[in-house]
Amino acid sequence: MDKKLKIPKFRTENQERVFWSKANLADHFKPADFESISFPNLKPTSRPISIRLPEYLLVRLKEQANELDIPYQSLIKKYLAQGVSQK
């Protein structure tokens, strides 16, 4: 750390917003000062994909999803997650 960053007490959120918009953290920290962290409870980001399935398989998936009263895409994700975790 080059020099200590003094963070004032803010009365409003707007004051804090202005402070952080003007503060140059590069003057106070080096990349080595930071440590890697993870947030395991955050919802993972999803990305749409395109997959070709035989018609009969898609029909069966939709029927099963209907019986379970869940969207068929959710059922497919569930099956994929189970398959990957069984490795």
N, C-alpha and C. Protein backbone atom coordinates (compact mmCIF):
# COMPACT_ATOMS: atom_id res chain seq x y z
N MET A 1 0.85 -1.17 0.00
CA MET A 1 0.00 0.00 0.00
C MET A 1 0.89 1.23 0.00
N ASP A 2 0.64 2.17 -0.90
CA ASP A 2 1.46 3.37 -0.99
C ASP A 2 1.16 4.36 0.12
N LYS A 3 -0.05 4.79 0.25
CA LYS A 3 -0.44 5.70 1.33
C LYS A 3 -1.82 5.33 1.82
N LYS A 4 -2.05 5.57 3.10
CA LYS A 4 -3.29 5.18 3.74
C LYS A 4 -4.46 6.00 3.20
N LEU A 5 -5.51 5.32 2.83
CA LEU A 5 -6.71 5.98 2.34
C LEU A 5 -7.60 6.31 3.53
N LYS A 6 -7.88 7.57 3.73
CA LYS A 6 -8.76 8.00 4.82
C LYS A 6 -10.18 8.10 4.26
N ILE A 7 -11.04 7.27 4.80
CA ILE A 7 -12.43 7.25 4.36
C ILE A 7 -13.26 8.02 5.37
N PRO A 8 -13.87 9.12 4.95
CA PRO A 8 -14.66 9.92 5.89
C PRO A 8 -16.00 9.25 6.20
N LYS A 9 -16.66 9.73 7.24
CA LYS A 9 -18.02 9.29 7.55
C LYS A 9 -18.97 10.09 6.66
N PHE A 10 -19.85 9.41 5.99
CA PHE A 10 -20.75 10.06 5.05
C PHE A 10 -22.12 10.26 5.69
N ARG A 11 -22.70 11.42 5.44
CA ARG A 11 -24.05 11.70 5.95
C ARG A 11 -25.12 11.20 4.99
N THR A 12 -24.79 11.20 3.72
CA THR A 12 -25.76 10.75 2.72
C THR A 12 -25.08 9.80 1.74
N GLU A 13 -25.90 9.05 1.07
CA GLU A 13 -25.38 8.14 0.05
C GLU A 13 -24.78 8.93 -1.11
N ASN A 14 -25.35 10.08 -1.39
CA ASN A 14 -24.83 10.91 -2.48
C ASN A 14 -23.41 11.39 -2.17
N GLN A 15 -23.14 11.78 -0.91
CA GLN A 15 -21.79 12.19 -0.53
C GLN A 15 -20.81 11.04 -0.75
N GLU A 16 -21.22 9.85 -0.38
CA GLU A 16 -20.35 8.69 -0.57
C GLU A 16 -20.12 8.42 -2.05
N ARG A 17 -21.16 8.55 -2.84
CA ARG A 17 -21.05 8.33 -4.28
C ARG A 17 -20.05 9.30 -4.90
N VAL A 18 -20.13 10.57 -4.49
CA VAL A 18 -19.21 11.59 -5.02
C VAL A 18 -17.78 11.27 -4.60
N PHE A 19 -17.59 10.89 -3.33
CA PHE A 19 -16.25 10.56 -2.84
C PHE A 19 -15.63 9.44 -3.66
N TRP A 20 -16.37 8.34 -3.84
CA TRP A 20 -15.80 7.19 -4.54
C TRP A 20 -15.63 7.45 -6.03
N SER A 21 -16.43 8.35 -6.59
CA SER A 21 -16.25 8.66 -8.01
C SER A 21 -14.98 9.47 -8.25
N LYS A 22 -14.51 10.20 -7.22
CA LYS A 22 -13.30 11.02 -7.36
C LYS A 22 -12.05 10.33 -6.82
N ALA A 23 -12.22 9.33 -5.98
CA ALA A 23 -11.07 8.66 -5.37
C ALA A 23 -10.37 7.78 -6.40
N ASN A 24 -9.06 7.88 -6.46
CA ASN A 24 -8.27 7.03 -7.35
C ASN A 24 -7.63 5.95 -6.50
N LEU A 25 -8.19 4.78 -6.52
CA LEU A 25 -7.70 3.70 -5.67
C LEU A 25 -6.31 3.22 -6.07
N ALA A 26 -5.90 3.50 -7.29
CA ALA A 26 -4.57 3.12 -7.75
C ALA A 26 -3.49 3.86 -6.97
N ASP A 27 -3.83 5.02 -6.40
CA ASP A 27 -2.87 5.75 -5.58
C ASP A 27 -2.67 5.11 -4.22
N HIS A 28 -3.58 4.25 -3.82
CA HIS A 28 -3.57 3.69 -2.47
C HIS A 28 -3.31 2.19 -2.43
N PHE A 29 -3.58 1.50 -3.52
CA PHE A 29 -3.46 0.04 -3.52
C PHE A 29 -2.71 -0.44 -4.75
N LYS A 30 -2.05 -1.59 -4.59
CA LYS A 30 -1.42 -2.29 -5.71
C LYS A 30 -2.22 -3.58 -5.94
N PRO A 31 -2.15 -4.16 -7.11
CA PRO A 31 -2.89 -5.40 -7.34
C PRO A 31 -2.55 -6.49 -6.32
N ALA A 32 -1.32 -6.50 -5.82
CA ALA A 32 -0.92 -7.52 -4.85
C ALA A 32 -1.62 -7.34 -3.50
N ASP A 33 -2.19 -6.16 -3.26
CA ASP A 33 -2.89 -5.90 -2.00
C ASP A 33 -4.24 -6.62 -1.93
N PHE A 34 -4.74 -7.07 -3.07
CA PHE A 34 -6.05 -7.69 -3.11
C PHE A 34 -5.93 -9.21 -3.07
N GLU A 35 -6.94 -9.84 -2.51
CA GLU A 35 -6.97 -11.30 -2.51
C GLU A 35 -8.22 -11.77 -3.24
N SER A 36 -8.12 -12.91 -3.83
CA SER A 36 -9.22 -13.47 -4.59
C SER A 36 -10.28 -14.00 -3.63
N ILE A 37 -11.53 -13.70 -3.90
CA ILE A 37 -12.62 -14.21 -3.08
C ILE A 37 -13.69 -14.79 -4.00
N SER A 38 -14.56 -15.59 -3.44
CA SER A 38 -15.67 -16.12 -4.22
C SER A 38 -16.96 -15.90 -3.44
N PHE A 39 -18.04 -15.87 -4.15
CA PHE A 39 -19.36 -15.68 -3.57
C PHE A 39 -20.20 -16.90 -3.94
N PRO A 40 -20.11 -17.98 -3.17
CA PRO A 40 -20.78 -19.22 -3.56
C PRO A 40 -22.30 -19.15 -3.53
N ASN A 41 -22.87 -18.21 -2.79
CA ASN A 41 -24.32 -18.15 -2.69
C ASN A 41 -24.97 -17.25 -3.74
N LEU A 42 -24.16 -16.63 -4.59
CA LEU A 42 -24.73 -15.82 -5.65
C LEU A 42 -25.32 -16.72 -6.72
N LYS A 43 -26.37 -16.23 -7.33
CA LYS A 43 -26.99 -17.00 -8.40
C LYS A 43 -26.02 -17.05 -9.59
N PRO A 44 -25.70 -18.25 -10.05
CA PRO A 44 -24.78 -18.33 -11.19
C PRO A 44 -25.40 -17.72 -12.45
N THR A 45 -24.56 -17.13 -13.24
CA THR A 45 -25.07 -16.54 -14.47
C THR A 45 -25.41 -17.65 -15.46
N SER A 46 -26.43 -17.43 -16.21
CA SER A 46 -26.87 -18.40 -17.21
C SER A 46 -26.59 -17.84 -18.59
N ARG A 47 -26.33 -18.75 -19.50
CA ARG A 47 -26.09 -18.36 -20.88
C ARG A 47 -26.95 -19.24 -21.78
N PRO A 48 -27.69 -18.64 -22.67
CA PRO A 48 -28.52 -19.46 -23.55
C PRO A 48 -27.66 -20.25 -24.53
N ILE A 49 -28.07 -21.48 -24.76
CA ILE A 49 -27.38 -22.32 -25.74
C ILE A 49 -28.42 -22.90 -26.69
N SER A 50 -27.94 -23.39 -27.79
CA SER A 50 -28.81 -24.04 -28.76
C SER A 50 -28.41 -25.50 -28.82
N ILE A 51 -29.37 -26.39 -28.67
CA ILE A 51 -29.08 -27.82 -28.69
C ILE A 51 -30.16 -28.52 -29.52
N ARG A 52 -29.73 -29.44 -30.33
CA ARG A 52 -30.67 -30.19 -31.16
C ARG A 52 -30.97 -31.52 -30.46
N LEU A 53 -32.25 -31.78 -30.25
CA LEU A 53 -32.69 -33.01 -29.62
C LEU A 53 -33.67 -33.72 -30.55
N PRO A 54 -33.67 -35.04 -30.51
CA PRO A 54 -34.68 -35.76 -31.29
C PRO A 54 -36.08 -35.37 -30.79
N GLU A 55 -37.01 -35.31 -31.70
CA GLU A 55 -38.38 -34.87 -31.37
C GLU A 55 -38.98 -35.71 -30.25
N TYR A 56 -38.81 -37.04 -30.32
CA TYR A 56 -39.41 -37.91 -29.29
C TYR A 56 -38.85 -37.60 -27.90
N LEU A 57 -37.55 -37.26 -27.83
CA LEU A 57 -36.93 -36.96 -26.55
C LEU A 57 -37.49 -35.66 -25.97
N LEU A 58 -37.65 -34.67 -26.81
CA LEU A 58 -38.20 -33.39 -26.37
C LEU A 58 -39.64 -33.57 -25.89
N VAL A 59 -40.41 -34.39 -26.60
CA VAL A 59 -41.80 -34.65 -26.19
C VAL A 59 -41.82 -35.33 -24.83
N ARG A 60 -40.95 -36.33 -24.63
CA ARG A 60 -40.90 -37.03 -23.33
C ARG A 60 -40.48 -36.09 -22.21
N LEU A 61 -39.51 -35.22 -22.49
CA LEU A 61 -39.07 -34.25 -21.48
C LEU A 61 -40.21 -33.31 -21.10
N LYS A 62 -40.95 -32.85 -22.10
CA LYS A 62 -42.07 -31.95 -21.82
C LYS A 62 -43.16 -32.65 -21.03
N GLU A 63 -43.42 -33.92 -21.35
CA GLU A 63 -44.42 -34.69 -20.60
C GLU A 63 -44.01 -34.85 -19.14
N GLN A 64 -42.74 -35.22 -18.92
CA GLN A 64 -42.25 -35.38 -17.55
C GLN A 64 -42.29 -34.06 -16.79
N ALA A 65 -41.90 -32.99 -17.45
CA ALA A 65 -41.92 -31.68 -16.81
C ALA A 65 -43.35 -31.29 -16.45
N ASN A 66 -44.29 -31.61 -17.32
CA ASN A 66 -45.69 -31.31 -17.05
C ASN A 66 -46.18 -32.10 -15.83
N GLU A 67 -45.79 -33.35 -15.72
CA GLU A 67 -46.17 -34.17 -14.56
C GLU A 67 -45.60 -33.59 -13.27
N LEU A 68 -44.38 -33.05 -13.35
CA LEU A 68 -43.72 -32.47 -12.17
C LEU A 68 -44.12 -31.01 -11.95
N ASP A 69 -44.87 -30.46 -12.89
CA ASP A 69 -45.33 -29.08 -12.84
C ASP A 69 -44.17 -28.08 -12.78
N ILE A 70 -43.17 -28.32 -13.64
CA ILE A 70 -42.04 -27.39 -13.77
C ILE A 70 -41.78 -27.15 -15.25
N PRO A 71 -41.15 -26.04 -15.60
CA PRO A 71 -40.81 -25.80 -17.01
C PRO A 71 -39.85 -26.88 -17.53
N TYR A 72 -40.02 -27.25 -18.78
CA TYR A 72 -39.18 -28.33 -19.31
C TYR A 72 -37.71 -27.94 -19.36
N GLN A 73 -37.41 -26.64 -19.55
CA GLN A 73 -36.01 -26.20 -19.54
C GLN A 73 -35.38 -26.43 -18.17
N SER A 74 -36.17 -26.21 -17.11
CA SER A 74 -35.67 -26.44 -15.75
C SER A 74 -35.40 -27.92 -15.52
N LEU A 75 -36.25 -28.77 -16.07
CA LEU A 75 -36.04 -30.21 -15.95
C LEU A 75 -34.77 -30.63 -16.68
N ILE A 76 -34.54 -30.07 -17.85
CA ILE A 76 -33.32 -30.39 -18.60
C ILE A 76 -32.10 -29.96 -17.80
N LYS A 77 -32.14 -28.75 -17.21
CA LYS A 77 -31.01 -28.28 -16.39
C LYS A 77 -30.78 -29.20 -15.20
N LYS A 78 -31.87 -29.66 -14.60
CA LYS A 78 -31.76 -30.57 -13.45
C LYS A 78 -31.08 -31.88 -13.87
N TYR A 79 -31.52 -32.44 -14.99
CA TYR A 79 -30.93 -33.68 -15.48
C TYR A 79 -29.45 -33.49 -15.84
N LEU A 80 -29.12 -32.38 -16.46
CA LEU A 80 -27.72 -32.11 -16.81
C LEU A 80 -26.86 -31.98 -15.55
N ALA A 81 -27.36 -31.28 -14.55
CA ALA A 81 -26.61 -31.11 -13.30
C ALA A 81 -26.40 -32.45 -12.61
N GLN A 82 -27.43 -33.30 -12.60
CA GLN A 82 -27.29 -34.63 -12.00
C GLN A 82 -26.25 -35.46 -12.75
N GLY A 83 -26.30 -35.40 -14.06
CA GLY A 83 -25.35 -36.16 -14.87
C GLY A 83 -23.92 -35.71 -14.65
N VAL A 84 -23.71 -34.42 -14.55
CA VAL A 84 -22.36 -33.89 -14.35
C VAL A 84 -21.85 -34.25 -12.95
N SER A 85 -22.72 -34.20 -11.95
CA SER A 85 -22.27 -34.47 -10.58
C SER A 85 -22.00 -35.95 -10.33
N GLN A 86 -22.50 -36.84 -11.18
CA GLN A 86 -22.28 -38.28 -11.01
C GLN A 86 -20.92 -38.74 -11.50
N LYS A 87 -20.18 -37.89 -12.15
CA LYS A 87 -18.88 -38.27 -12.71
C LYS A 87 -17.98 -38.86 -11.70
